[in-house]
Amino acid sequence: MYALFEYKGKQYKAEKDALIQVDKLEAKEGDSVTIDSVLLVSDGDNVKVGTPYVNGAKVEVVVENSIRDKKVLVFKYKSKKDYHRLIGHRQEYTNVRVKNIVG
């Protein structure tokens, strides 16, 4: 059984006991979170597709830990104008483990 769900504008595929890296959640390690914006649920034979969400479907996840990705450097430059800027950014992510899919 698997489900496709939407969280913060991005779509993820959830299977039981799968580890998924999502954008940062404001939850502590070990907290349980329920995501109800499920787009599709499949149990092998039957497939339920929502318009846009499947009614009554939920994905229950447990927060594992929070991490920061590698630094991405952004360099802006304009020739002959003595203009250059170097900006760094580290995206924050949360690893969650899928506990249950209710569909």
PDB file of N, CA and C in Angstrom:
ATOM      1  N   MET A   1       0.851  -1.179   0.000  1.00  0.00           N
ATOM      2  CA  MET A   1       0.000   0.000   0.000  1.00  0.00           C
ATOM      3  C   MET A   1       0.885   1.226   0.000  1.00  0.00           C
ATOM      4  N   TYR A   2       0.521   2.201  -0.822  1.00  0.00           N
ATOM      5  CA  TYR A   2       1.253   3.447  -0.841  1.00  0.00           C
ATOM      6  C   TYR A   2       0.282   4.602  -1.051  1.00  0.00           C
ATOM      7  N   ALA A   3       0.783   5.808  -0.781  1.00  0.00           N
ATOM      8  CA  ALA A   3      -0.035   7.010  -0.949  1.00  0.00           C
ATOM      9  C   ALA A   3       0.855   8.130  -1.453  1.00  0.00           C
ATOM     10  N   LEU A   4       0.267   9.020  -2.227  1.00  0.00           N
ATOM     11  CA  LEU A   4       0.939  10.243  -2.640  1.00  0.00           C
ATOM     12  C   LEU A   4       0.299  11.377  -1.864  1.00  0.00           C
ATOM     13  N   PHE A   5       1.134  12.168  -1.165  1.00  0.00           N
ATOM     14  CA  PHE A   5       0.585  13.281  -0.401  1.00  0.00           C
ATOM     15  C   PHE A   5       1.333  14.564  -0.728  1.00  0.00           C
ATOM     16  N   GLU A   6       0.688  15.672  -0.417  1.00  0.00           N
ATOM     17  CA  GLU A   6       1.247  16.989  -0.684  1.00  0.00           C
ATOM     18  C   GLU A   6       1.559  17.664   0.645  1.00  0.00           C
ATOM     19  N   TYR A   7       2.760  18.242   0.730  1.00  0.00           N
ATOM     20  CA  TYR A   7       3.145  18.971   1.938  1.00  0.00           C
ATOM     21  C   TYR A   7       3.995  20.163   1.543  1.00  0.00           C
ATOM     22  N   LYS A   8       3.549  21.350   1.903  1.00  0.00           N
ATOM     23  CA  LYS A   8       4.237  22.609   1.588  1.00  0.00           C
ATOM     24  C   LYS A   8       4.516  22.753   0.097  1.00  0.00           C
ATOM     25  N   GLY A   9       3.542  22.381  -0.742  1.00  0.00           N
ATOM     26  CA  GLY A   9       3.647  22.578  -2.176  1.00  0.00           C
ATOM     27  C   GLY A   9       4.444  21.524  -2.915  1.00  0.00           C
ATOM     28  N   LYS A  10       4.930  20.501  -2.220  1.00  0.00           N
ATOM     29  CA  LYS A  10       5.690  19.433  -2.861  1.00  0.00           C
ATOM     30  C   LYS A  10       4.973  18.107  -2.641  1.00  0.00           C
ATOM     31  N   GLN A  11       5.153  17.174  -3.568  1.00  0.00           N
ATOM     32  CA  GLN A  11       4.475  15.887  -3.493  1.00  0.00           C
ATOM     33  C   GLN A  11       5.474  14.785  -3.143  1.00  0.00           C
ATOM     34  N   TYR A  12       5.040  13.850  -2.296  1.00  0.00           N
ATOM     35  CA  TYR A  12       5.888  12.769  -1.812  1.00  0.00           C
ATOM     36  C   TYR A  12       5.133  11.443  -1.906  1.00  0.00           C
ATOM     37  N   LYS A  13       5.890  10.362  -2.091  1.00  0.00           N
ATOM     38  CA  LYS A  13       5.305   9.024  -2.105  1.00  0.00           C
ATOM     39  C   LYS A  13       5.592   8.382  -0.756  1.00  0.00           C
ATOM     40  N   ALA A  14       4.534   7.919  -0.089  1.00  0.00           N
ATOM     41  CA  ALA A  14       4.668   7.329   1.247  1.00  0.00           C
ATOM     42  C   ALA A  14       4.308   5.852   1.202  1.00  0.00           C
ATOM     43  N   GLU A  15       5.188   5.031   1.741  1.00  0.00           N
ATOM     44  CA  GLU A  15       4.928   3.618   1.956  1.00  0.00           C
ATOM     45  C   GLU A  15       5.171   3.333   3.427  1.00  0.00           C
ATOM     46  N   LYS A  16       4.584   2.279   3.937  1.00  0.00           N
ATOM     47  CA  LYS A  16       4.732   1.953   5.361  1.00  0.00           C
ATOM     48  C   LYS A  16       6.203   1.772   5.711  1.00  0.00           C
ATOM     49  N   ASP A  17       6.627   2.395   6.812  1.00  0.00           N
ATOM     50  CA  ASP A  17       7.991   2.364   7.351  1.00  0.00           C
ATOM     51  C   ASP A  17       9.030   3.020   6.446  1.00  0.00           C
ATOM     52  N   ALA A  18       8.625   3.827   5.481  1.00  0.00           N
ATOM     53  CA  ALA A  18       9.574   4.525   4.613  1.00  0.00           C
ATOM     54  C   ALA A  18      10.079   5.792   5.300  1.00  0.00           C
ATOM     55  N   LEU A  19      11.323   6.145   5.034  1.00  0.00           N
ATOM     56  CA  LEU A  19      11.916   7.367   5.560  1.00  0.00           C
ATOM     57  C   LEU A  19      11.868   8.424   4.465  1.00  0.00           C
ATOM     58  N   ILE A  20      11.212   9.561   4.760  1.00  0.00           N
ATOM     59  CA  ILE A  20      11.006  10.617   3.769  1.00  0.00           C
ATOM     60  C   ILE A  20      11.612  11.903   4.295  1.00  0.00           C
ATOM     61  N   GLN A  21      12.279  12.642   3.409  1.00  0.00           N
ATOM     62  CA  GLN A  21      12.878  13.926   3.778  1.00  0.00           C
ATOM     63  C   GLN A  21      11.961  15.034   3.251  1.00  0.00           C
ATOM     64  N   VAL A  22      11.324  15.781   4.168  1.00  0.00           N
ATOM     65  CA  VAL A  22      10.405  16.855   3.798  1.00  0.00           C
ATOM     66  C   VAL A  22      10.974  18.182   4.278  1.00  0.00           C
ATOM     67  N   ASP A  23      10.384  19.286   3.790  1.00  0.00           N
ATOM     68  CA  ASP A  23      10.794  20.602   4.283  1.00  0.00           C
ATOM     69  C   ASP A  23      10.560  20.681   5.784  1.00  0.00           C
ATOM     70  N   LYS A  24      11.265  21.568   6.444  1.00  0.00           N
ATOM     71  CA  LYS A  24      11.308  21.602   7.905  1.00  0.00           C
ATOM     72  C   LYS A  24       9.923  21.659   8.549  1.00  0.00           C
ATOM     73  N   LEU A  25       9.714  20.749   9.497  1.00  0.00           N
ATOM     74  CA  LEU A  25       8.502  20.717  10.318  1.00  0.00           C
ATOM     75  C   LEU A  25       8.794  21.381  11.652  1.00  0.00           C
ATOM     76  N   GLU A  26       7.843  22.095  12.168  1.00  0.00           N
ATOM     77  CA  GLU A  26       7.987  22.691  13.498  1.00  0.00           C
ATOM     78  C   GLU A  26       7.483  21.701  14.542  1.00  0.00           C
ATOM     79  N   ALA A  27       8.139  20.559  14.628  1.00  0.00           N
ATOM     80  CA  ALA A  27       7.768  19.522  15.588  1.00  0.00           C
ATOM     81  C   ALA A  27       9.050  18.947  16.183  1.00  0.00           C
ATOM     82  N   LYS A  28       8.937  18.450  17.412  1.00  0.00           N
ATOM     83  CA  LYS A  28      10.101  17.888  18.091  1.00  0.00           C
ATOM     84  C   LYS A  28      10.323  16.441  17.652  1.00  0.00           C
ATOM     85  N   GLU A  29      11.520  15.955  17.915  1.00  0.00           N
ATOM     86  CA  GLU A  29      11.874  14.584  17.570  1.00  0.00           C
ATOM     87  C   GLU A  29      10.994  13.613  18.357  1.00  0.00           C
ATOM     88  N   GLY A  30      10.386  12.666  17.659  1.00  0.00           N
ATOM     89  CA  GLY A  30       9.505  11.694  18.284  1.00  0.00           C
ATOM     90  C   GLY A  30       8.030  12.064  18.241  1.00  0.00           C
ATOM     91  N   ASP A  31       7.710  13.297  17.832  1.00  0.00           N
ATOM     92  CA  ASP A  31       6.311  13.719  17.728  1.00  0.00           C
ATOM     93  C   ASP A  31       5.632  13.022  16.553  1.00  0.00           C
ATOM     94  N   SER A  32       4.336  12.795  16.692  1.00  0.00           N
ATOM     95  CA  SER A  32       3.536  12.206  15.632  1.00  0.00           C
ATOM     96  C   SER A  32       2.759  13.313  14.917  1.00  0.00           C
ATOM     97  N   VAL A  33       2.769  13.284  13.581  1.00  0.00           N
ATOM     98  CA  VAL A  33       2.100  14.298  12.770  1.00  0.00           C
ATOM     99  C   VAL A  33       1.191  13.586  11.783  1.00  0.00           C
ATOM    100  N   THR A  34      -0.027  14.119  11.603  1.00  0.00           N
ATOM    101  CA  THR A  34      -0.972  13.564  10.643  1.00  0.00           C
ATOM    102  C   THR A  34      -1.105  14.511   9.462  1.00  0.00           C
ATOM    103  N   ILE A  35      -0.900  13.994   8.267  1.00  0.00           N
ATOM    104  CA  ILE A  35      -1.009  14.785   7.043  1.00  0.00           C
ATOM    105  C   ILE A  35      -2.258  14.302   6.308  1.00  0.00           C
ATOM    106  N   ASP A  36      -3.203  15.230   6.072  1.00  0.00           N
ATOM    107  CA  ASP A  36      -4.469  14.827   5.465  1.00  0.00           C
ATOM    108  C   ASP A  36      -4.628  15.301   4.023  1.00  0.00           C
ATOM    109  N   SER A  37      -3.610  15.900   3.438  1.00  0.00           N
ATOM    110  CA  SER A  37      -3.690  16.325   2.038  1.00  0.00           C
ATOM    111  C   SER A  37      -3.153  15.205   1.140  1.00  0.00           C
ATOM    112  N   VAL A  38      -3.907  14.093   1.099  1.00  0.00           N
ATOM    113  CA  VAL A  38      -3.525  12.905   0.345  1.00  0.00           C
ATOM    114  C   VAL A  38      -4.133  12.990  -1.049  1.00  0.00           C
ATOM    115  N   LEU A  39      -3.292  12.861  -2.070  1.00  0.00           N
ATOM    116  CA  LEU A  39      -3.738  12.976  -3.453  1.00  0.00           C
ATOM    117  C   LEU A  39      -4.173  11.638  -4.051  1.00  0.00           C
ATOM    118  N   LEU A  40      -3.522  10.536  -3.631  1.00  0.00           N
ATOM    119  CA  LEU A  40      -3.797   9.222  -4.213  1.00  0.00           C
ATOM    120  C   LEU A  40      -3.497   8.152  -3.177  1.00  0.00           C
ATOM    121  N   VAL A  41      -4.336   7.115  -3.140  1.00  0.00           N
ATOM    122  CA  VAL A  41      -4.106   5.965  -2.266  1.00  0.00           C
ATOM    123  C   VAL A  41      -4.274   4.707  -3.098  1.00  0.00           C
ATOM    124  N   SER A  42      -3.296   3.788  -2.987  1.00  0.00           N
ATOM    125  CA  SER A  42      -3.354   2.536  -3.723  1.00  0.00           C
ATOM    126  C   SER A  42      -3.009   1.390  -2.786  1.00  0.00           C
ATOM    127  N   ASP A  43      -3.814   0.296  -2.863  1.00  0.00           N
ATOM    128  CA  ASP A  43      -3.523  -0.885  -2.052  1.00  0.00           C
ATOM    129  C   ASP A  43      -3.145  -2.077  -2.927  1.00  0.00           C
ATOM    130  N   GLY A  44      -2.702  -1.812  -4.135  1.00  0.00           N
ATOM    131  CA  GLY A  44      -2.315  -2.877  -5.055  1.00  0.00           C
ATOM    132  C   GLY A  44      -3.338  -3.104  -6.149  1.00  0.00           C
ATOM    133  N   ASP A  45      -4.597  -3.334  -5.748  1.00  0.00           N
ATOM    134  CA  ASP A  45      -5.662  -3.559  -6.721  1.00  0.00           C
ATOM    135  C   ASP A  45      -6.519  -2.317  -6.926  1.00  0.00           C
ATOM    136  N   ASN A  46      -6.894  -1.675  -5.831  1.00  0.00           N
ATOM    137  CA  ASN A  46      -7.759  -0.499  -5.902  1.00  0.00           C
ATOM    138  C   ASN A  46      -6.939   0.768  -5.802  1.00  0.00           C
ATOM    139  N   VAL A  47      -7.301   1.746  -6.633  1.00  0.00           N
ATOM    140  CA  VAL A  47      -6.632   3.048  -6.619  1.00  0.00           C
ATOM    141  C   VAL A  47      -7.692   4.117  -6.423  1.00  0.00           C
ATOM    142  N   LYS A  48      -7.503   4.966  -5.404  1.00  0.00           N
ATOM    143  CA  LYS A  48      -8.412   6.093  -5.162  1.00  0.00           C
ATOM    144  C   LYS A  48      -7.657   7.364  -5.503  1.00  0.00           C
ATOM    145  N   VAL A  49      -8.228   8.146  -6.412  1.00  0.00           N
ATOM    146  CA  VAL A  49      -7.629   9.414  -6.811  1.00  0.00           C
ATOM    147  C   VAL A  49      -8.545  10.526  -6.347  1.00  0.00           C
ATOM    148  N   GLY A  50      -7.990  11.524  -5.682  1.00  0.00           N
ATOM    149  CA  GLY A  50      -8.786  12.621  -5.146  1.00  0.00           C
ATOM    150  C   GLY A  50      -8.973  13.735  -6.143  1.00  0.00           C
ATOM    151  N   THR A  51      -9.933  14.611  -5.827  1.00  0.00           N
ATOM    152  CA  THR A  51     -10.196  15.790  -6.654  1.00  0.00           C
ATOM    153  C   THR A  51     -10.261  17.034  -5.787  1.00  0.00           C
ATOM    154  N   PRO A  52      -9.235  17.638  -5.307  1.00  0.00           N
ATOM    155  CA  PRO A  52      -7.831  17.256  -5.426  1.00  0.00           C
ATOM    156  C   PRO A  52      -7.374  16.271  -4.347  1.00  0.00           C
ATOM    157  N   TYR A  53      -8.120  16.137  -3.225  1.00  0.00           N
ATOM    158  CA  TYR A  53      -7.680  15.265  -2.137  1.00  0.00           C
ATOM    159  C   TYR A  53      -8.665  14.120  -1.937  1.00  0.00           C
ATOM    160  N   VAL A  54      -8.170  12.997  -1.444  1.00  0.00           N
ATOM    161  CA  VAL A  54      -9.011  11.836  -1.154  1.00  0.00           C
ATOM    162  C   VAL A  54      -9.681  12.061   0.193  1.00  0.00           C
ATOM    163  N   ASN A  55     -11.017  11.947   0.237  1.00  0.00           N
ATOM    164  CA  ASN A  55     -11.763  12.165   1.479  1.00  0.00           C
ATOM    165  C   ASN A  55     -11.455  11.072   2.492  1.00  0.00           C
ATOM    166  N   GLY A  56     -11.122  11.473   3.717  1.00  0.00           N
ATOM    167  CA  GLY A  56     -10.884  10.533   4.800  1.00  0.00           C
ATOM    168  C   GLY A  56      -9.520   9.872   4.800  1.00  0.00           C
ATOM    169  N   ALA A  57      -8.690  10.160   3.823  1.00  0.00           N
ATOM    170  CA  ALA A  57      -7.359   9.539   3.768  1.00  0.00           C
ATOM    171  C   ALA A  57      -6.368  10.376   4.560  1.00  0.00           C
ATOM    172  N   LYS A  58      -5.484   9.687   5.289  1.00  0.00           N
ATOM    173  CA  LYS A  58      -4.475  10.358   6.101  1.00  0.00           C
ATOM    174  C   LYS A  58      -3.174   9.569   6.053  1.00  0.00           C
ATOM    175  N   VAL A  59      -2.080  10.287   6.234  1.00  0.00           N
ATOM    176  CA  VAL A  59      -0.768   9.662   6.375  1.00  0.00           C
ATOM    177  C   VAL A  59      -0.232  10.077   7.737  1.00  0.00           C
ATOM    178  N   GLU A  60       0.056   9.098   8.584  1.00  0.00           N
ATOM    179  CA  GLU A  60       0.577   9.373   9.916  1.00  0.00           C
ATOM    180  C   GLU A  60       2.077   9.151   9.904  1.00  0.00           C
ATOM    181  N   VAL A  61       2.833  10.181  10.312  1.00  0.00           N
ATOM    182  CA  VAL A  61       4.295  10.112  10.301  1.00  0.00           C
ATOM    183  C   VAL A  61       4.838  10.445  11.680  1.00  0.00           C
ATOM    184  N   VAL A  62       6.057   9.979  11.950  1.00  0.00           N
ATOM    185  CA  VAL A  62       6.765  10.279  13.192  1.00  0.00           C
ATOM    186  C   VAL A  62       8.041  11.012  12.824  1.00  0.00           C
ATOM    187  N   VAL A  63       8.325  12.107  13.525  1.00  0.00           N
ATOM    188  CA  VAL A  63       9.513  12.918  13.248  1.00  0.00           C
ATOM    189  C   VAL A  63      10.746  12.190  13.767  1.00  0.00           C
ATOM    190  N   GLU A  64      11.709  11.956  12.877  1.00  0.00           N
ATOM    191  CA  GLU A  64      12.967  11.291  13.253  1.00  0.00           C
ATOM    192  C   GLU A  64      13.992  12.322  13.719  1.00  0.00           C
ATOM    193  N   ASN A  65      14.398  13.225  12.815  1.00  0.00           N
ATOM    194  CA  ASN A  65      15.368  14.263  13.157  1.00  0.00           C
ATOM    195  C   ASN A  65      15.306  15.389  12.129  1.00  0.00           C
ATOM    196  N   SER A  66      15.988  16.494  12.426  1.00  0.00           N
ATOM    197  CA  SER A  66      16.069  17.622  11.515  1.00  0.00           C
ATOM    198  C   SER A  66      17.519  17.793  11.084  1.00  0.00           C
ATOM    199  N   ILE A  67      17.703  18.105   9.812  1.00  0.00           N
ATOM    200  CA  ILE A  67      19.053  18.268   9.280  1.00  0.00           C
ATOM    201  C   ILE A  67      19.110  19.523   8.418  1.00  0.00           C
ATOM    202  N   ARG A  68      20.345  19.929   8.075  1.00  0.00           N
ATOM    203  CA  ARG A  68      20.551  21.012   7.133  1.00  0.00           C
ATOM    204  C   ARG A  68      21.351  20.473   5.958  1.00  0.00           C
ATOM    205  N   ASP A  69      20.939  20.863   4.761  1.00  0.00           N
ATOM    206  CA  ASP A  69      21.575  20.384   3.540  1.00  0.00           C
ATOM    207  C   ASP A  69      22.924  21.072   3.336  1.00  0.00           C
ATOM    208  N   LYS A  70      23.653  20.646   2.311  1.00  0.00           N
ATOM    209  CA  LYS A  70      24.919  21.285   1.985  1.00  0.00           C
ATOM    210  C   LYS A  70      24.675  22.728   1.555  1.00  0.00           C
ATOM    211  N   LYS A  71      25.683  23.566   1.734  1.00  0.00           N
ATOM    212  CA  LYS A  71      25.555  24.979   1.383  1.00  0.00           C
ATOM    213  C   LYS A  71      25.546  25.157  -0.135  1.00  0.00           C
ATOM    214  N   VAL A  72      24.617  25.978  -0.599  1.00  0.00           N
ATOM    215  CA  VAL A  72      24.532  26.348  -2.001  1.00  0.00           C
ATOM    216  C   VAL A  72      25.013  27.786  -2.110  1.00  0.00           C
ATOM    217  N   LEU A  73      25.999  28.044  -2.976  1.00  0.00           N
ATOM    218  CA  LEU A  73      26.539  29.385  -3.146  1.00  0.00           C
ATOM    219  C   LEU A  73      25.914  30.045  -4.367  1.00  0.00           C
ATOM    220  N   VAL A  74      25.452  31.293  -4.195  1.00  0.00           N
ATOM    221  CA  VAL A  74      24.858  32.073  -5.273  1.00  0.00           C
ATOM    222  C   VAL A  74      25.763  33.271  -5.495  1.00  0.00           C
ATOM    223  N   PHE A  75      26.279  33.435  -6.711  1.00  0.00           N
ATOM    224  CA  PHE A  75      27.196  34.526  -7.025  1.00  0.00           C
ATOM    225  C   PHE A  75      26.552  35.427  -8.061  1.00  0.00           C
ATOM    226  N   LYS A  76      26.400  36.701  -7.717  1.00  0.00           N
ATOM    227  CA  LYS A  76      25.847  37.686  -8.646  1.00  0.00           C
ATOM    228  C   LYS A  76      26.992  38.569  -9.129  1.00  0.00           C
ATOM    229  N   TYR A  77      26.978  38.897 -10.433  1.00  0.00           N
ATOM    230  CA  TYR A  77      28.084  39.634 -11.011  1.00  0.00           C
ATOM    231  C   TYR A  77      27.598  40.449 -12.200  1.00  0.00           C
ATOM    232  N   LYS A  78      28.040  41.688 -12.287  1.00  0.00           N
ATOM    233  CA  LYS A  78      27.758  42.524 -13.453  1.00  0.00           C
ATOM    234  C   LYS A  78      29.091  43.034 -13.986  1.00  0.00           C
ATOM    235  N   SER A  79      29.336  42.737 -15.241  1.00  0.00           N
ATOM    236  CA  SER A  79      30.630  43.097 -15.815  1.00  0.00           C
ATOM    237  C   SER A  79      30.776  44.614 -15.967  1.00  0.00           C
ATOM    238  N   LYS A  80      31.967  45.084 -15.785  1.00  0.00           N
ATOM    239  CA  LYS A  80      32.361  46.495 -15.958  1.00  0.00           C
ATOM    240  C   LYS A  80      31.663  47.442 -14.996  1.00  0.00           C
ATOM    241  N   LYS A  81      30.987  46.950 -13.974  1.00  0.00           N
ATOM    242  CA  LYS A  81      30.267  47.813 -13.020  1.00  0.00           C
ATOM    243  C   LYS A  81      30.792  47.666 -11.604  1.00  0.00           C
ATOM    244  N   ASP A  82      31.820  46.831 -11.388  1.00  0.00           N
ATOM    245  CA  ASP A  82      32.397  46.591 -10.068  1.00  0.00           C
ATOM    246  C   ASP A  82      31.322  46.124  -9.075  1.00  0.00           C
ATOM    247  N   TYR A  83      30.479  45.205  -9.540  1.00  0.00           N
ATOM    248  CA  TYR A  83      29.406  44.672  -8.699  1.00  0.00           C
ATOM    249  C   TYR A  83      29.523  43.156  -8.637  1.00  0.00           C
ATOM    250  N   HIS A  84      29.685  42.630  -7.432  1.00  0.00           N
ATOM    251  CA  HIS A  84      29.653  41.187  -7.225  1.00  0.00           C
ATOM    252  C   HIS A  84      29.228  40.907  -5.794  1.00  0.00           C
ATOM    253  N   ARG A  85      28.368  39.880  -5.651  1.00  0.00           N
ATOM    254  CA  ARG A  85      27.852  39.473  -4.344  1.00  0.00           C
ATOM    255  C   ARG A  85      27.913  37.951  -4.255  1.00  0.00           C
ATOM    256  N   LEU A  86      28.334  37.443  -3.110  1.00  0.00           N
ATOM    257  CA  LEU A  86      28.355  36.013  -2.854  1.00  0.00           C
ATOM    258  C   LEU A  86      27.420  35.737  -1.682  1.00  0.00           C
ATOM    259  N   ILE A  87      26.407  34.929  -1.933  1.00  0.00           N
ATOM    260  CA  ILE A  87      25.400  34.629  -0.920  1.00  0.00           C
ATOM    261  C   ILE A  87      25.345  33.116  -0.745  1.00  0.00           C
ATOM    262  N   GLY A  88      25.317  32.648   0.494  1.00  0.00           N
ATOM    263  CA  GLY A  88      25.212  31.220   0.776  1.00  0.00           C
ATOM    264  C   GLY A  88      23.865  30.897   1.400  1.00  0.00           C
ATOM    265  N   HIS A  89      23.387  29.658   1.170  1.00  0.00           N
ATOM    266  CA  HIS A  89      22.093  29.231   1.708  1.00  0.00           C
ATOM    267  C   HIS A  89      22.155  27.753   2.058  1.00  0.00           C
ATOM    268  N   ARG A  90      21.646  27.396   3.243  1.00  0.00           N
ATOM    269  CA  ARG A  90      21.528  25.994   3.651  1.00  0.00           C
ATOM    270  C   ARG A  90      20.072  25.701   3.943  1.00  0.00           C
ATOM    271  N   GLN A  91      19.472  24.807   3.169  1.00  0.00           N
ATOM    272  CA  GLN A  91      18.069  24.446   3.337  1.00  0.00           C
ATOM    273  C   GLN A  91      17.911  23.490   4.516  1.00  0.00           C
ATOM    274  N   GLU A  92      16.857  23.686   5.307  1.00  0.00           N
ATOM    275  CA  GLU A  92      16.591  22.816   6.446  1.00  0.00           C
ATOM    276  C   GLU A  92      15.523  21.789   6.079  1.00  0.00           C
ATOM    277  N   TYR A  93      15.769  20.534   6.460  1.00  0.00           N
ATOM    278  CA  TYR A  93      14.862  19.435   6.178  1.00  0.00           C
ATOM    279  C   TYR A  93      14.565  18.667   7.461  1.00  0.00           C
ATOM    280  N   THR A  94      13.475  17.915   7.439  1.00  0.00           N
ATOM    281  CA  THR A  94      13.113  17.029   8.543  1.00  0.00           C
ATOM    282  C   THR A  94      12.920  15.631   7.980  1.00  0.00           C
ATOM    283  N   ASN A  95      13.544  14.650   8.604  1.00  0.00           N
ATOM    284  CA  ASN A  95      13.342  13.254   8.217  1.00  0.00           C
ATOM    285  C   ASN A  95      12.163  12.705   9.009  1.00  0.00           C
ATOM    286  N   VAL A  96      11.185  12.148   8.295  1.00  0.00           N
ATOM    287  CA  VAL A  96      10.010  11.567   8.943  1.00  0.00           C
ATOM    288  C   VAL A  96       9.863  10.124   8.497  1.00  0.00           C
ATOM    289  N   ARG A  97       9.360   9.274   9.396  1.00  0.00           N
ATOM    290  CA  ARG A  97       9.103   7.877   9.085  1.00  0.00           C
ATOM    291  C   ARG A  97       7.595   7.654   9.038  1.00  0.00           C
ATOM    292  N   VAL A  98       7.134   7.034   7.956  1.00  0.00           N
ATOM    293  CA  VAL A  98       5.689   6.785   7.781  1.00  0.00           C
ATOM    294  C   VAL A  98       5.290   5.653   8.719  1.00  0.00           C
ATOM    295  N   LYS A  99       4.328   5.967   9.601  1.00  0.00           N
ATOM    296  CA  LYS A  99       3.859   4.980  10.566  1.00  0.00           C
ATOM    297  C   LYS A  99       2.642   4.225  10.046  1.00  0.00           C
ATOM    298  N   ASN A 100       1.712   4.949   9.415  1.00  0.00           N
ATOM    299  CA  ASN A 100       0.466   4.309   8.980  1.00  0.00           C
ATOM    300  C   ASN A 100      -0.150   5.113   7.846  1.00  0.00           C
ATOM    301  N   ILE A 101      -0.831   4.410   6.949  1.00  0.00           N
ATOM    302  CA  ILE A 101      -1.592   5.052   5.867  1.00  0.00           C
ATOM    303  C   ILE A 101      -3.046   4.639   6.034  1.00  0.00           C
ATOM    304  N   VAL A 102      -3.919   5.623   6.243  1.00  0.00           N
ATOM    305  CA  VAL A 102      -5.342   5.356   6.397  1.00  0.00           C
ATOM    306  C   VAL A 102      -6.020   5.801   5.118  1.00  0.00           C
ATOM    307  N   GLY A 103      -6.681   4.892   4.430  1.00  0.00           N
ATOM    308  CA  GLY A 103      -7.268   5.268   3.153  1.00  0.00           C
ATOM    309  C   GLY A 103      -8.605   4.691   3.003  1.00  0.00           C
TER     310      GLY A 103
END
